[in-house]
Amino acid sequence: MSTTSEAGHVTGTRDKDYNLIWFTEQCLSNALRLETYIQDAEREGDNELADFFRKAQHESRKGGEQGKDYLRKRLSA
C-alpha cells in the first residue's frame, strides 16, 4: 500500500490529522534548516540572500505556529 493513499487503515490516523502534524513538523524543521542557510549566506557576505532566507524562515515559523494552534484546538476538543 502506498503511503500517499493511506487513510488511517494502517496507522490508525486519519489523513487530515496526519497532514496537520506533518505540516507543522515540516515548517518548524524548515525554520531550523534555514538558520544554517542564513549563516552560510552571511559568512559569504551575501546579505541579499541572507535576507531572502530570513523572510522564508519567518514564514516557516508562522506556518509552524499556525499548525500548533490548530493542533492545540483539535487535541483539547
Protein backbone atom coordinates (compact mmCIF):
# COMPACT_ATOMS: atom_id res chain seq x y z
CA MET A 1 0.00 0.00 0.00
CA SER A 2 1.32 3.43 -0.95
CA THR A 3 1.74 5.89 1.92
CA THR A 4 0.08 8.55 -0.22
CA SER A 5 -3.19 6.63 -0.21
CA GLU A 6 -3.11 5.60 3.46
CA ALA A 7 -6.37 6.77 5.03
CA GLY A 8 -5.85 5.59 8.58
CA HIS A 9 -6.24 1.90 7.94
CA VAL A 10 -2.57 1.18 8.61
CA THR A 11 -1.59 3.88 11.10
CA GLY A 12 -4.93 4.44 12.77
CA THR A 13 -4.55 8.14 11.97
CA ARG A 14 -6.81 9.97 9.56
CA ASP A 15 -5.10 11.75 6.73
CA LYS A 16 -6.23 15.24 7.76
CA ASP A 17 -4.75 14.77 11.22
CA TYR A 18 -1.55 13.30 9.87
CA ASN A 19 -1.32 16.12 7.32
CA LEU A 20 -1.61 18.75 10.03
CA ILE A 21 1.05 17.09 12.17
CA TRP A 22 3.34 16.65 9.15
CA PHE A 23 2.83 20.25 8.02
CA THR A 24 3.65 21.63 11.47
CA GLU A 25 6.77 19.50 11.81
CA GLN A 26 7.98 20.43 8.34
CA CYS A 27 7.51 24.15 8.97
CA LEU A 28 9.48 24.01 12.21
CA SER A 29 12.15 21.80 10.69
CA ASN A 30 12.46 24.18 7.75
CA ALA A 31 12.90 27.14 10.12
CA LEU A 32 15.85 25.30 11.71
CA ARG A 33 17.37 24.41 8.34
CA LEU A 34 17.05 27.99 7.13
CA GLU A 35 19.14 29.19 10.08
CA THR A 36 22.08 27.29 8.56
CA TYR A 37 21.37 28.83 5.15
CA ILE A 38 21.29 32.31 6.69
CA GLN A 39 24.63 31.74 8.38
CA ASP A 40 26.15 30.38 5.16
CA ALA A 41 24.99 33.44 3.20
CA GLU A 42 26.25 35.82 5.89
CA ARG A 43 29.62 34.08 6.01
CA GLU A 44 29.92 34.66 2.25
CA GLY A 45 28.85 38.30 2.64
CA ASP A 46 25.64 37.81 0.65
CA ASN A 47 23.20 39.91 2.66
CA GLU A 48 20.55 39.81 -0.06
CA LEU A 49 20.41 36.02 0.10
CA ALA A 50 20.54 36.05 3.90
CA ASP A 51 17.54 38.40 3.94
CA PHE A 52 15.70 36.14 1.49
CA PHE A 53 16.29 33.17 3.80
CA ARG A 54 15.22 35.23 6.85
CA LYS A 55 11.91 36.03 5.16
CA ALA A 56 11.42 32.36 4.31
CA GLN A 57 12.31 31.44 7.89
CA HIS A 58 9.73 33.92 9.18
CA GLU A 59 7.05 32.32 7.00
CA SER A 60 8.07 28.83 8.15
CA ARG A 61 7.84 29.90 11.79
CA LYS A 62 4.44 31.44 11.07
CA GLY A 63 3.24 28.18 9.49
CA GLY A 64 4.59 26.23 12.45
CA GLU A 65 2.79 28.47 14.92
CA GLN A 66 -0.46 28.23 12.98
CA GLY A 67 -0.12 24.46 12.83
CA LYS A 68 0.50 24.29 16.58
CA ASP A 69 -2.60 26.43 17.19
CA TYR A 70 -4.73 24.07 15.08
CA LEU A 71 -3.29 21.04 16.88
CA ARG A 72 -3.92 22.63 20.29
CA LYS A 73 -7.56 23.33 19.42
CA ARG A 74 -8.17 19.91 17.97
CA LEU A 75 -6.42 17.94 20.72
CA SER A 76 -8.25 19.76 23.50
CA ALA A 77 -11.67 19.12 21.92
